[in-house]
């Protein structure tokens, strides 16, 4: 059970004890009650320490979670609420709070069939009941594809990163003839263009593994986990997409976009480094500073005839080759036979 769930169970147990008017609870009694509550939920022995309960009481008294519970010590030994009608489950919320929570519920409902959020179904239902949800139709739609291969691995990978666990992964890249096992230290889950990737550390290298190429995941209990203190913003800061090279330096990419489509590129930049160099009769000249990778080429090709790469030469050559091959797909005898 996650530490967050443990804490919620303890808070709920402490709340029940502190509002009990017919029994006195010392710190040791509260420790015992919390331990029994965790045993009931987890099915195994759980000892809650004195320090844990003291910190829980301190958190409940503070504004940290919005409780500000009126907890007092009487007879120098026993704990209770100074307000007998108080409960952490009766915290008042404003009408604006209800509207904000209701909007959040509508967004969460879009994830309830996604494997990573399967445990959220009950929580979402409780939220709807608690905040008197209006069951309004969703006014925000998030793009997702539930049929993607590899989504079944998100849960175990997420837990491995969270709990710093080493994994043995059977992986087959698109170029490989057969799958191979590798020992990895998971650092981050990355989503790009409706595809998921695992960023992991292995043999002094950072690897980017597509989840749809994973065939099996096994736990490696013998290897000590290496935490790289991974900074996603820094790692992906010089690329478009998820493909990062350890050896390539970012380059200035200059491209011309027709006036008709320039507003789309202005309002949704290719990259955070994007700047406008010139606006002339041919169109708008943009510059970005990124590594050259597959995702950059796909983005440029996606704009078809509305974009022209000016530099660097290598990227321009790759785009020309791709467009030439694409044109050949629509010309020649093969296409004549389809008519």
C-alpha atoms as a PDB file:
ATOM      1  CA  UNK A   1       0.000   0.000   0.000  1.00  0.00           C
ATOM      2  CA  UNK A   2       1.295   3.438  -0.850  1.00  0.00           C
ATOM      3  CA  UNK A   3       2.427   5.845   1.872  1.00  0.00           C
ATOM      4  CA  UNK A   4      -0.387   8.238   0.866  1.00  0.00           C
ATOM      5  CA  UNK A   5      -3.036   5.591   1.482  1.00  0.00           C
ATOM      6  CA  UNK A   6      -1.414   4.708   4.811  1.00  0.00           C
ATOM      7  CA  UNK A   7      -1.568   8.349   5.873  1.00  0.00           C
ATOM      8  CA  UNK A   8      -5.236   8.681   4.883  1.00  0.00           C
ATOM      9  CA  UNK A   9      -6.121   5.590   6.897  1.00  0.00           C
ATOM     10  CA  UNK A  10      -4.273   6.966   9.932  1.00  0.00           C
ATOM     11  CA  UNK A  11      -5.975  10.385   9.642  1.00  0.00           C
ATOM     12  CA  UNK A  12      -9.367   8.732   9.387  1.00  0.00           C
ATOM     13  CA  UNK A  13      -8.601   6.560  12.429  1.00  0.00           C
ATOM     14  CA  UNK A  14      -7.312   9.484  14.480  1.00  0.00           C
ATOM     15  CA  UNK A  15     -10.394  11.501  13.563  1.00  0.00           C
ATOM     16  CA  UNK A  16     -12.654   8.704  14.781  1.00  0.00           C
ATOM     17  CA  UNK A  17     -10.795   8.513  18.100  1.00  0.00           C
ATOM     18  CA  UNK A  18     -10.548  12.269  18.708  1.00  0.00           C
ATOM     19  CA  UNK A  19     -14.294  12.809  18.272  1.00  0.00           C
ATOM     20  CA  UNK A  20     -15.222   9.844  20.500  1.00  0.00           C
ATOM     21  CA  UNK A  21     -16.863  11.384  23.583  1.00  0.00           C
ATOM     22  CA  UNK A  22     -17.047   8.138  25.541  1.00  0.00           C
ATOM     23  CA  UNK A  23     -13.431   7.004  25.578  1.00  0.00           C
ATOM     24  CA  UNK A  24     -10.087   8.566  26.484  1.00  0.00           C
ATOM     25  CA  UNK A  25      -7.131   8.127  24.130  1.00  0.00           C
ATOM     26  CA  UNK A  26      -3.499   8.499  25.117  1.00  0.00           C
ATOM     27  CA  UNK A  27      -0.729   8.678  22.532  1.00  0.00           C
ATOM     28  CA  UNK A  28      -0.105   4.951  22.994  1.00  0.00           C
ATOM     29  CA  UNK A  29      -3.813   4.254  22.452  1.00  0.00           C
ATOM     30  CA  UNK A  30      -3.758   6.231  19.203  1.00  0.00           C
ATOM     31  CA  UNK A  31      -0.677   4.306  18.041  1.00  0.00           C
ATOM     32  CA  UNK A  32      -2.467   1.039  18.719  1.00  0.00           C
ATOM     33  CA  UNK A  33      -5.653   2.135  16.942  1.00  0.00           C
ATOM     34  CA  UNK A  34      -3.724   3.214  13.849  1.00  0.00           C
ATOM     35  CA  UNK A  35      -1.736  -0.029  13.797  1.00  0.00           C
ATOM     36  CA  UNK A  36      -4.937  -2.083  14.000  1.00  0.00           C
ATOM     37  CA  UNK A  37      -6.572  -0.024  11.236  1.00  0.00           C
ATOM     38  CA  UNK A  38      -3.623  -0.595   8.892  1.00  0.00           C
ATOM     39  CA  UNK A  39      -3.651  -4.311   9.737  1.00  0.00           C
ATOM     40  CA  UNK A  40      -7.331  -4.462   8.825  1.00  0.00           C
ATOM     41  CA  UNK A  41      -6.712  -2.843   5.426  1.00  0.00           C
ATOM     42  CA  UNK A  42      -3.382  -4.493   4.562  1.00  0.00           C
ATOM     43  CA  UNK A  43      -3.857  -7.906   6.150  1.00  0.00           C
ATOM     44  CA  UNK A  44      -0.399  -7.849   7.724  1.00  0.00           C
ATOM     45  CA  UNK A  45       1.185  -6.580  10.909  1.00  0.00           C
ATOM     46  CA  UNK A  46       1.854  -2.832  10.826  1.00  0.00           C
ATOM     47  CA  UNK A  47       3.394  -0.907  13.705  1.00  0.00           C
ATOM     48  CA  UNK A  48       2.742   2.830  13.767  1.00  0.00           C
ATOM     49  CA  UNK A  49       5.441   4.635  15.744  1.00  0.00           C
ATOM     50  CA  UNK A  50       5.029   7.375  18.324  1.00  0.00           C
ATOM     51  CA  UNK A  51       6.753   9.880  16.025  1.00  0.00           C
ATOM     52  CA  UNK A  52       4.411   9.021  13.114  1.00  0.00           C
ATOM     53  CA  UNK A  53       1.306   9.680  15.198  1.00  0.00           C
ATOM     54  CA  UNK A  54       2.779  12.904  16.588  1.00  0.00           C
ATOM     55  CA  UNK A  55       3.498  14.135  13.045  1.00  0.00           C
ATOM     56  CA  UNK A  56      -0.016  13.123  11.953  1.00  0.00           C
ATOM     57  CA  UNK A  57      -1.544  15.135  14.784  1.00  0.00           C
ATOM     58  CA  UNK A  58       0.682  18.068  13.899  1.00  0.00           C
ATOM     59  CA  UNK A  59      -0.404  17.891  10.247  1.00  0.00           C
ATOM     60  CA  UNK A  60      -4.057  17.705  11.228  1.00  0.00           C
ATOM     61  CA  UNK A  61      -3.662  20.812  13.417  1.00  0.00           C
ATOM     62  CA  UNK A  62      -1.950  22.771  10.636  1.00  0.00           C
ATOM     63  CA  UNK A  63      -3.293  24.291   7.422  1.00  0.00           C
ATOM     64  CA  UNK A  64      -1.225  21.848   5.362  1.00  0.00           C
ATOM     65  CA  UNK A  65      -4.220  19.733   4.342  1.00  0.00           C
ATOM     66  CA  UNK A  66      -6.888  22.282   5.161  1.00  0.00           C
ATOM     67  CA  UNK A  67      -7.968  20.538   8.382  1.00  0.00           C
ATOM     68  CA  UNK A  68      -6.864  22.988  11.094  1.00  0.00           C
ATOM     69  CA  UNK A  69      -8.222  20.434  13.558  1.00  0.00           C
ATOM     70  CA  UNK A  70      -8.810  21.758  17.140  1.00  0.00           C
ATOM     71  CA  UNK A  71      -6.823  18.983  18.825  1.00  0.00           C
ATOM     72  CA  UNK A  72      -6.099  19.458  22.515  1.00  0.00           C
ATOM     73  CA  UNK A  73      -4.314  17.526  25.241  1.00  0.00           C
ATOM     74  CA  UNK A  74      -6.178  17.291  28.538  1.00  0.00           C
ATOM     75  CA  UNK A  75      -5.075  15.914  31.883  1.00  0.00           C
ATOM     76  CA  UNK A  76      -1.578  16.090  30.340  1.00  0.00           C
ATOM     77  CA  UNK A  77      -2.132  12.712  28.706  1.00  0.00           C
ATOM     78  CA  UNK A  78      -5.282  12.326  26.628  1.00  0.00           C
ATOM     79  CA  UNK A  79      -6.166  13.708  23.185  1.00  0.00           C
ATOM     80  CA  UNK A  80      -9.494  14.966  21.845  1.00  0.00           C
ATOM     81  CA  UNK A  81     -11.143  17.704  19.764  1.00  0.00           C
ATOM     82  CA  UNK A  82     -11.874  20.833  21.786  1.00  0.00           C
ATOM     83  CA  UNK A  83     -14.918  21.248  19.534  1.00  0.00           C
ATOM     84  CA  UNK A  84     -17.004  18.072  20.040  1.00  0.00           C
ATOM     85  CA  UNK A  85     -18.778  18.599  16.723  1.00  0.00           C
ATOM     86  CA  UNK A  86     -15.596  18.829  14.652  1.00  0.00           C
ATOM     87  CA  UNK A  87     -14.553  16.169  12.119  1.00  0.00           C
ATOM     88  CA  UNK A  88     -12.085  16.269   9.250  1.00  0.00           C
ATOM     89  CA  UNK A  89     -14.924  14.969   7.077  1.00  0.00           C
ATOM     90  CA  UNK A  90     -17.048  18.031   7.767  1.00  0.00           C
ATOM     91  CA  UNK A  91     -14.743  20.710   6.383  1.00  0.00           C
ATOM     92  CA  UNK A  92     -16.833  23.397   4.742  1.00  0.00           C
ATOM     93  CA  UNK A  93     -16.267  24.255   1.106  1.00  0.00           C
ATOM     94  CA  UNK A  94     -17.471  27.228  -0.859  1.00  0.00           C
ATOM     95  CA  UNK A  95     -19.714  27.131  -3.916  1.00  0.00           C
ATOM     96  CA  UNK A  96     -16.671  28.005  -6.015  1.00  0.00           C
ATOM     97  CA  UNK A  97     -14.787  25.062  -4.465  1.00  0.00           C
ATOM     98  CA  UNK A  98     -17.627  22.747  -5.499  1.00  0.00           C
ATOM     99  CA  UNK A  99     -17.576  24.024  -9.071  1.00  0.00           C
ATOM    100  CA  UNK A 100     -13.793  23.620  -9.290  1.00  0.00           C
ATOM    101  CA  UNK A 101     -13.929  20.088  -7.882  1.00  0.00           C
ATOM    102  CA  UNK A 102     -16.782  19.165 -10.204  1.00  0.00           C
ATOM    103  CA  UNK A 103     -14.763  20.319 -13.218  1.00  0.00           C
ATOM    104  CA  UNK A 104     -11.808  18.252 -12.012  1.00  0.00           C
ATOM    105  CA  UNK A 105     -14.060  15.202 -11.668  1.00  0.00           C
ATOM    106  CA  UNK A 106     -15.175  15.542 -15.296  1.00  0.00           C
ATOM    107  CA  UNK A 107     -11.521  15.479 -16.406  1.00  0.00           C
ATOM    108  CA  UNK A 108     -10.642  12.523 -14.163  1.00  0.00           C
ATOM    109  CA  UNK A 109     -13.554  10.523 -15.577  1.00  0.00           C
ATOM    110  CA  UNK A 110     -11.824  10.504 -18.958  1.00  0.00           C
ATOM    111  CA  UNK A 111      -8.968   8.478 -17.442  1.00  0.00           C
ATOM    112  CA  UNK A 112     -11.024   5.882 -15.590  1.00  0.00           C
ATOM    113  CA  UNK A 113     -10.669   3.229 -18.320  1.00  0.00           C
ATOM    114  CA  UNK A 114      -6.934   3.832 -18.662  1.00  0.00           C
ATOM    115  CA  UNK A 115      -4.968   1.099 -16.886  1.00  0.00           C
ATOM    116  CA  UNK A 116      -2.899   3.504 -14.779  1.00  0.00           C
ATOM    117  CA  UNK A 117      -6.077   5.033 -13.357  1.00  0.00           C
ATOM    118  CA  UNK A 118      -8.146   1.871 -12.882  1.00  0.00           C
ATOM    119  CA  UNK A 119      -8.056   2.304  -9.097  1.00  0.00           C
ATOM    120  CA  UNK A 120      -9.539   5.783  -9.495  1.00  0.00           C
ATOM    121  CA  UNK A 121     -13.022   4.530 -10.448  1.00  0.00           C
ATOM    122  CA  UNK A 122     -14.230   4.299  -6.857  1.00  0.00           C
ATOM    123  CA  UNK A 123     -12.524   7.534  -5.873  1.00  0.00           C
ATOM    124  CA  UNK A 124     -14.168   9.415  -8.728  1.00  0.00           C
ATOM    125  CA  UNK A 125     -17.578   8.042  -7.756  1.00  0.00           C
ATOM    126  CA  UNK A 126     -17.033   9.146  -4.161  1.00  0.00           C
ATOM    127  CA  UNK A 127     -15.991  12.600  -5.314  1.00  0.00           C
ATOM    128  CA  UNK A 128     -19.124  12.906  -7.419  1.00  0.00           C
ATOM    129  CA  UNK A 129     -21.281  11.875  -4.472  1.00  0.00           C
ATOM    130  CA  UNK A 130     -19.449  14.074  -1.974  1.00  0.00           C
ATOM    131  CA  UNK A 131     -19.528  17.257  -4.002  1.00  0.00           C
ATOM    132  CA  UNK A 132     -23.036  16.682  -5.359  1.00  0.00           C
ATOM    133  CA  UNK A 133     -21.765  16.510  -8.929  1.00  0.00           C
ATOM    134  CA  UNK A 134     -24.184  17.817 -11.502  1.00  0.00           C
ATOM    135  CA  UNK A 135     -23.206  14.946 -13.856  1.00  0.00           C
ATOM    136  CA  UNK A 136     -22.687  17.533 -16.550  1.00  0.00           C
ATOM    137  CA  UNK A 137     -21.428  16.391 -19.905  1.00  0.00           C
ATOM    138  CA  UNK A 138     -17.672  16.662 -20.350  1.00  0.00           C
ATOM    139  CA  UNK A 139     -16.563  19.975 -21.813  1.00  0.00           C
ATOM    140  CA  UNK A 140     -12.879  18.964 -21.997  1.00  0.00           C
ATOM    141  CA  UNK A 141     -11.827  16.045 -24.189  1.00  0.00           C
ATOM    142  CA  UNK A 142      -8.315  14.630 -23.904  1.00  0.00           C
ATOM    143  CA  UNK A 143      -6.770  12.731 -26.803  1.00  0.00           C
ATOM    144  CA  UNK A 144      -5.987   9.140 -25.856  1.00  0.00           C
ATOM    145  CA  UNK A 145      -5.838   5.726 -27.488  1.00  0.00           C
ATOM    146  CA  UNK A 146      -6.840   2.856 -25.209  1.00  0.00           C
ATOM    147  CA  UNK A 147      -5.787   0.291 -27.844  1.00  0.00           C
ATOM    148  CA  UNK A 148      -2.090   1.157 -27.766  1.00  0.00           C
ATOM    149  CA  UNK A 149       0.222  -1.784 -27.137  1.00  0.00           C
ATOM    150  CA  UNK A 150       2.253  -1.583 -23.947  1.00  0.00           C
ATOM    151  CA  UNK A 151      -0.285   0.323 -21.836  1.00  0.00           C
ATOM    152  CA  UNK A 152      -0.566  -2.729 -19.585  1.00  0.00           C
ATOM    153  CA  UNK A 153       3.006  -2.059 -18.417  1.00  0.00           C
ATOM    154  CA  UNK A 154       2.422   1.512 -17.224  1.00  0.00           C
ATOM    155  CA  UNK A 155       1.308   0.479 -13.738  1.00  0.00           C
ATOM    156  CA  UNK A 156       4.310  -1.726 -12.961  1.00  0.00           C
ATOM    157  CA  UNK A 157       6.737   0.826 -14.465  1.00  0.00           C
ATOM    158  CA  UNK A 158       5.159   3.667 -12.509  1.00  0.00           C
ATOM    159  CA  UNK A 159       5.441   1.694  -9.251  1.00  0.00           C
ATOM    160  CA  UNK A 160       9.049   0.742 -10.063  1.00  0.00           C
ATOM    161  CA  UNK A 161      10.022   4.388 -10.532  1.00  0.00           C
ATOM    162  CA  UNK A 162       8.113   5.443  -7.421  1.00  0.00           C
ATOM    163  CA  UNK A 163       9.634   2.702  -5.242  1.00  0.00           C
ATOM    164  CA  UNK A 164      13.077   2.752  -6.958  1.00  0.00           C
ATOM    165  CA  UNK A 165      13.059  -0.859  -8.187  1.00  0.00           C
ATOM    166  CA  UNK A 166      15.372  -2.410 -10.788  1.00  0.00           C
ATOM    167  CA  UNK A 167      13.746  -4.347 -13.639  1.00  0.00           C
ATOM    168  CA  UNK A 168      14.670  -6.999 -16.193  1.00  0.00           C
ATOM    169  CA  UNK A 169      12.958  -6.074 -19.455  1.00  0.00           C
ATOM    170  CA  UNK A 170      12.609  -8.243 -22.549  1.00  0.00           C
ATOM    171  CA  UNK A 171      12.771  -5.710 -25.371  1.00  0.00           C
ATOM    172  CA  UNK A 172      12.689  -5.926 -29.152  1.00  0.00           C
ATOM    173  CA  UNK A 173      13.397  -2.775 -31.113  1.00  0.00           C
ATOM    174  CA  UNK A 174      12.002  -2.332 -34.615  1.00  0.00           C
ATOM    175  CA  UNK A 175      15.477  -2.988 -36.037  1.00  0.00           C
ATOM    176  CA  UNK A 176      16.274  -6.092 -33.940  1.00  0.00           C
ATOM    177  CA  UNK A 177      15.704  -9.642 -35.221  1.00  0.00           C
ATOM    178  CA  UNK A 178      14.964 -10.991 -31.761  1.00  0.00           C
ATOM    179  CA  UNK A 179      14.161  -9.685 -28.293  1.00  0.00           C
ATOM    180  CA  UNK A 180      16.843  -9.393 -25.609  1.00  0.00           C
ATOM    181  CA  UNK A 181      16.758  -8.993 -21.823  1.00  0.00           C
ATOM    182  CA  UNK A 182      18.293  -5.898 -20.274  1.00  0.00           C
ATOM    183  CA  UNK A 183      18.660  -4.755 -16.673  1.00  0.00           C
ATOM    184  CA  UNK A 184      17.342  -1.214 -16.274  1.00  0.00           C
ATOM    185  CA  UNK A 185      16.867   1.410 -13.570  1.00  0.00           C
ATOM    186  CA  UNK A 186      13.547   3.165 -14.471  1.00  0.00           C
ATOM    187  CA  UNK A 187      13.641   6.963 -14.121  1.00  0.00           C
ATOM    188  CA  UNK A 188      10.665   8.457 -15.990  1.00  0.00           C
ATOM    189  CA  UNK A 189       7.544   7.663 -18.040  1.00  0.00           C
ATOM    190  CA  UNK A 190       7.231   9.919 -21.099  1.00  0.00           C
ATOM    191  CA  UNK A 191       4.230  10.371 -23.405  1.00  0.00           C
ATOM    192  CA  UNK A 192       4.595  11.905 -26.849  1.00  0.00           C
ATOM    193  CA  UNK A 193       2.102  11.915 -29.694  1.00  0.00           C
ATOM    194  CA  UNK A 194      -0.048   9.220 -28.052  1.00  0.00           C
ATOM    195  CA  UNK A 195       2.915   6.893 -27.550  1.00  0.00           C
ATOM    196  CA  UNK A 196       4.557   5.997 -24.226  1.00  0.00           C
ATOM    197  CA  UNK A 197       8.263   5.633 -23.462  1.00  0.00           C
ATOM    198  CA  UNK A 198      10.325   4.510 -20.474  1.00  0.00           C
ATOM    199  CA  UNK A 199      13.429   6.570 -19.787  1.00  0.00           C
ATOM    200  CA  UNK A 200      15.835   4.355 -17.871  1.00  0.00           C
ATOM    201  CA  UNK A 201      19.485   4.039 -16.874  1.00  0.00           C
ATOM    202  CA  UNK A 202      21.620   1.013 -17.784  1.00  0.00           C
ATOM    203  CA  UNK A 203      25.339   0.376 -18.218  1.00  0.00           C
ATOM    204  CA  UNK A 204      26.234   4.055 -17.830  1.00  0.00           C
ATOM    205  CA  UNK A 205      23.724   5.057 -20.522  1.00  0.00           C
ATOM    206  CA  UNK A 206      20.278   6.638 -20.592  1.00  0.00           C
ATOM    207  CA  UNK A 207      17.910   4.561 -22.723  1.00  0.00           C
ATOM    208  CA  UNK A 208      14.557   5.440 -24.248  1.00  0.00           C
ATOM    209  CA  UNK A 209      12.363   2.321 -24.535  1.00  0.00           C
ATOM    210  CA  UNK A 210       9.013   2.380 -26.350  1.00  0.00           C
ATOM    211  CA  UNK A 211       6.421   0.548 -24.273  1.00  0.00           C
ATOM    212  CA  UNK A 212       4.917  -1.061 -27.384  1.00  0.00           C
ATOM    213  CA  UNK A 213       8.242  -2.877 -27.962  1.00  0.00           C
ATOM    214  CA  UNK A 214       8.383  -4.407 -24.468  1.00  0.00           C
ATOM    215  CA  UNK A 215       7.522  -8.110 -24.348  1.00  0.00           C
ATOM    216  CA  UNK A 216       8.073  -8.934 -20.664  1.00  0.00           C
ATOM    217  CA  UNK A 217       8.970  -7.247 -17.379  1.00  0.00           C
ATOM    218  CA  UNK A 218      10.560  -9.045 -14.421  1.00  0.00           C
ATOM    219  CA  UNK A 219      11.619  -7.720 -11.025  1.00  0.00           C
ATOM    220  CA  UNK A 220      15.347  -7.709 -10.239  1.00  0.00           C
ATOM    221  CA  UNK A 221      15.621  -7.891  -6.454  1.00  0.00           C
ATOM    222  CA  UNK A 222      19.382  -8.445  -6.383  1.00  0.00           C
ATOM    223  CA  UNK A 223      20.589  -5.300  -8.144  1.00  0.00           C
ATOM    224  CA  UNK A 224      20.841  -2.037  -6.202  1.00  0.00           C
ATOM    225  CA  UNK A 225      18.784   0.746  -7.789  1.00  0.00           C
ATOM    226  CA  UNK A 226      20.663   3.771  -9.155  1.00  0.00           C
ATOM    227  CA  UNK A 227      18.755   7.029  -8.825  1.00  0.00           C
ATOM    228  CA  UNK A 228      19.984   9.515 -11.448  1.00  0.00           C
ATOM    229  CA  UNK A 229      17.889  12.360 -10.005  1.00  0.00           C
ATOM    230  CA  UNK A 230      16.488  12.635 -13.527  1.00  0.00           C
ATOM    231  CA  UNK A 231      15.470  16.113 -14.705  1.00  0.00           C
ATOM    232  CA  UNK A 232      12.983  15.669 -17.565  1.00  0.00           C
ATOM    233  CA  UNK A 233      12.879  19.350 -18.542  1.00  0.00           C
ATOM    234  CA  UNK A 234      16.643  19.475 -18.937  1.00  0.00           C
ATOM    235  CA  UNK A 235      16.901  16.098 -20.696  1.00  0.00           C
ATOM    236  CA  UNK A 236      14.214  16.881 -23.295  1.00  0.00           C
ATOM    237  CA  UNK A 237      14.945  20.608 -23.448  1.00  0.00           C
ATOM    238  CA  UNK A 238      16.822  20.477 -26.766  1.00  0.00           C
ATOM    239  CA  UNK A 239      14.599  18.082 -28.713  1.00  0.00           C
ATOM    240  CA  UNK A 240      11.168  17.755 -30.238  1.00  0.00           C
ATOM    241  CA  UNK A 241       9.549  14.510 -29.153  1.00  0.00           C
ATOM    242  CA  UNK A 242      11.186  11.720 -27.159  1.00  0.00           C
ATOM    243  CA  UNK A 243      14.357  10.822 -29.088  1.00  0.00           C
ATOM    244  CA  UNK A 244      17.477  12.288 -27.455  1.00  0.00           C
ATOM    245  CA  UNK A 245      21.061  11.772 -28.637  1.00  0.00           C
ATOM    246  CA  UNK A 246      23.912  11.729 -26.116  1.00  0.00           C
ATOM    247  CA  UNK A 247      26.435  12.836 -28.746  1.00  0.00           C
ATOM    248  CA  UNK A 248      24.536  15.274 -30.988  1.00  0.00           C
ATOM    249  CA  UNK A 249      24.568  18.989 -30.269  1.00  0.00           C
ATOM    250  CA  UNK A 250      21.483  21.132 -30.983  1.00  0.00           C
ATOM    251  CA  UNK A 251      21.529  23.015 -34.296  1.00  0.00           C
ATOM    252  CA  UNK A 252      19.813  26.097 -35.632  1.00  0.00           C
ATOM    253  CA  UNK A 253      16.952  24.927 -37.835  1.00  0.00           C
ATOM    254  CA  UNK A 254      15.590  27.641 -40.132  1.00  0.00           C
ATOM    255  CA  UNK A 255      12.358  27.140 -42.056  1.00  0.00           C
ATOM    256  CA  UNK A 256       9.895  29.223 -44.064  1.00  0.00           C
ATOM    257  CA  UNK A 257       6.137  28.892 -43.534  1.00  0.00           C
ATOM    258  CA  UNK A 258       3.548  30.333 -45.915  1.00  0.00           C
ATOM    259  CA  UNK A 259       1.543  33.316 -44.673  1.00  0.00           C
ATOM    260  CA  UNK A 260      -1.642  31.247 -44.596  1.00  0.00           C
ATOM    261  CA  UNK A 261      -0.210  28.712 -42.136  1.00  0.00           C
ATOM    262  CA  UNK A 262       2.258  30.897 -40.220  1.00  0.00           C
ATOM    263  CA  UNK A 263      -0.348  31.786 -37.545  1.00  0.00           C
ATOM    264  CA  UNK A 264      -0.568  28.098 -36.568  1.00  0.00           C
ATOM    265  CA  UNK A 265       3.191  27.931 -36.042  1.00  0.00           C
ATOM    266  CA  UNK A 266       3.193  31.246 -34.177  1.00  0.00           C
ATOM    267  CA  UNK A 267       0.476  30.164 -31.743  1.00  0.00           C
ATOM    268  CA  UNK A 268       1.753  26.586 -31.381  1.00  0.00           C
ATOM    269  CA  UNK A 269       5.561  26.797 -31.636  1.00  0.00           C
ATOM    270  CA  UNK A 270       7.538  23.773 -32.764  1.00  0.00           C
ATOM    271  CA  UNK A 271       9.859  24.279 -29.770  1.00  0.00           C
ATOM    272  CA  UNK A 272      10.313  26.697 -26.875  1.00  0.00           C
ATOM    273  CA  UNK A 273      13.407  28.139 -28.603  1.00  0.00           C
ATOM    274  CA  UNK A 274      11.366  29.274 -31.618  1.00  0.00           C
ATOM    275  CA  UNK A 275      11.843  32.860 -32.813  1.00  0.00           C
ATOM    276  CA  UNK A 276      10.746  34.790 -35.911  1.00  0.00           C
ATOM    277  CA  UNK A 277      13.639  35.933 -38.093  1.00  0.00           C
ATOM    278  CA  UNK A 278      11.763  37.648 -40.890  1.00  0.00           C
ATOM    279  CA  UNK A 279       8.319  38.272 -42.335  1.00  0.00           C
ATOM    280  CA  UNK A 280       8.483  38.824 -46.110  1.00  0.00           C
ATOM    281  CA  UNK A 281       6.408  38.352 -49.255  1.00  0.00           C
ATOM    282  CA  UNK A 282       7.152  34.601 -49.360  1.00  0.00           C
ATOM    283  CA  UNK A 283       6.113  33.886 -45.786  1.00  0.00           C
ATOM    284  CA  UNK A 284       7.439  33.929 -42.236  1.00  0.00           C
ATOM    285  CA  UNK A 285      10.976  32.747 -41.496  1.00  0.00           C
ATOM    286  CA  UNK A 286      11.343  30.870 -38.179  1.00  0.00           C
ATOM    287  CA  UNK A 287      14.321  29.518 -36.251  1.00  0.00           C
ATOM    288  CA  UNK A 288      14.527  26.836 -33.569  1.00  0.00           C
ATOM    289  CA  UNK A 289      17.570  25.310 -31.886  1.00  0.00           C
ATOM    290  CA  UNK A 290      17.166  21.541 -31.509  1.00  0.00           C
ATOM    291  CA  UNK A 291      18.768  18.189 -32.147  1.00  0.00           C
ATOM    292  CA  UNK A 292      17.931  16.647 -35.523  1.00  0.00           C
ATOM    293  CA  UNK A 293      15.722  13.612 -34.941  1.00  0.00           C
ATOM    294  CA  UNK A 294      12.883  11.533 -36.351  1.00  0.00           C
ATOM    295  CA  UNK A 295      10.141  13.522 -34.607  1.00  0.00           C
ATOM    296  CA  UNK A 296      11.402  16.824 -36.038  1.00  0.00           C
ATOM    297  CA  UNK A 297      11.300  15.390 -39.565  1.00  0.00           C
ATOM    298  CA  UNK A 298       7.782  13.987 -39.031  1.00  0.00           C
ATOM    299  CA  UNK A 299       6.560  17.385 -37.817  1.00  0.00           C
ATOM    300  CA  UNK A 300       8.000  19.160 -40.856  1.00  0.00           C
ATOM    301  CA  UNK A 301       6.677  16.549 -43.299  1.00  0.00           C
ATOM    302  CA  UNK A 302       3.263  16.852 -41.673  1.00  0.00           C
ATOM    303  CA  UNK A 303       3.007  20.431 -42.943  1.00  0.00           C
ATOM    304  CA  UNK A 304       3.557  19.323 -46.533  1.00  0.00           C
ATOM    305  CA  UNK A 305       3.853  22.083 -49.094  1.00  0.00           C
ATOM    306  CA  UNK A 306       3.298  24.847 -46.543  1.00  0.00           C
ATOM    307  CA  UNK A 307       6.822  24.663 -45.115  1.00  0.00           C
ATOM    308  CA  UNK A 308      10.321  24.862 -46.601  1.00  0.00           C
ATOM    309  CA  UNK A 309      13.480  23.933 -44.696  1.00  0.00           C
ATOM    310  CA  UNK A 310      16.265  26.439 -45.352  1.00  0.00           C
ATOM    311  CA  UNK A 311      18.975  24.909 -43.142  1.00  0.00           C
ATOM    312  CA  UNK A 312      20.816  22.862 -42.037  1.00  0.00           C
ATOM    313  CA  UNK A 313      21.695  20.995 -45.242  1.00  0.00           C
ATOM    314  CA  UNK A 314      21.454  17.540 -43.648  1.00  0.00           C
ATOM    315  CA  UNK A 315      17.882  18.092 -42.520  1.00  0.00           C
ATOM    316  CA  UNK A 316      16.941  19.668 -45.859  1.00  0.00           C
ATOM    317  CA  UNK A 317      18.382  16.652 -47.704  1.00  0.00           C
ATOM    318  CA  UNK A 318      16.424  14.213 -45.516  1.00  0.00           C
ATOM    319  CA  UNK A 319      13.167  16.090 -46.127  1.00  0.00           C
ATOM    320  CA  UNK A 320      13.755  16.220 -49.885  1.00  0.00           C
ATOM    321  CA  UNK A 321      14.445  12.470 -49.945  1.00  0.00           C
ATOM    322  CA  UNK A 322      11.278  11.699 -47.979  1.00  0.00           C
ATOM    323  CA  UNK A 323       9.136  13.892 -50.218  1.00  0.00           C
ATOM    324  CA  UNK A 324      10.644  12.297 -53.334  1.00  0.00           C
ATOM    325  CA  UNK A 325       9.854   8.801 -52.057  1.00  0.00           C
ATOM    326  CA  UNK A 326       6.349   9.898 -51.095  1.00  0.00           C
ATOM    327  CA  UNK A 327       5.791  11.303 -54.573  1.00  0.00           C
ATOM    328  CA  UNK A 328       6.906   7.996 -56.101  1.00  0.00           C
ATOM    329  CA  UNK A 329       4.179   6.251 -54.106  1.00  0.00           C
ATOM    330  CA  UNK A 330       1.603   8.131 -56.183  1.00  0.00           C
ATOM    331  CA  UNK A 331       3.234   7.807 -59.608  1.00  0.00           C
ATOM    332  CA  UNK A 332       4.301   4.998 -61.912  1.00  0.00           C
ATOM    333  CA  UNK A 333       2.815   1.744 -63.106  1.00  0.00           C
ATOM    334  CA  UNK A 334       1.666   0.585 -59.668  1.00  0.00           C
ATOM    335  CA  UNK A 335      -0.695   3.540 -59.370  1.00  0.00           C
ATOM    336  CA  UNK A 336      -1.886   3.062 -62.969  1.00  0.00           C
ATOM    337  CA  UNK A 337      -2.878  -0.514 -62.102  1.00  0.00           C
ATOM    338  CA  UNK A 338      -5.071   0.773 -59.244  1.00  0.00           C
ATOM    339  CA  UNK A 339      -7.094   3.045 -61.526  1.00  0.00           C
END
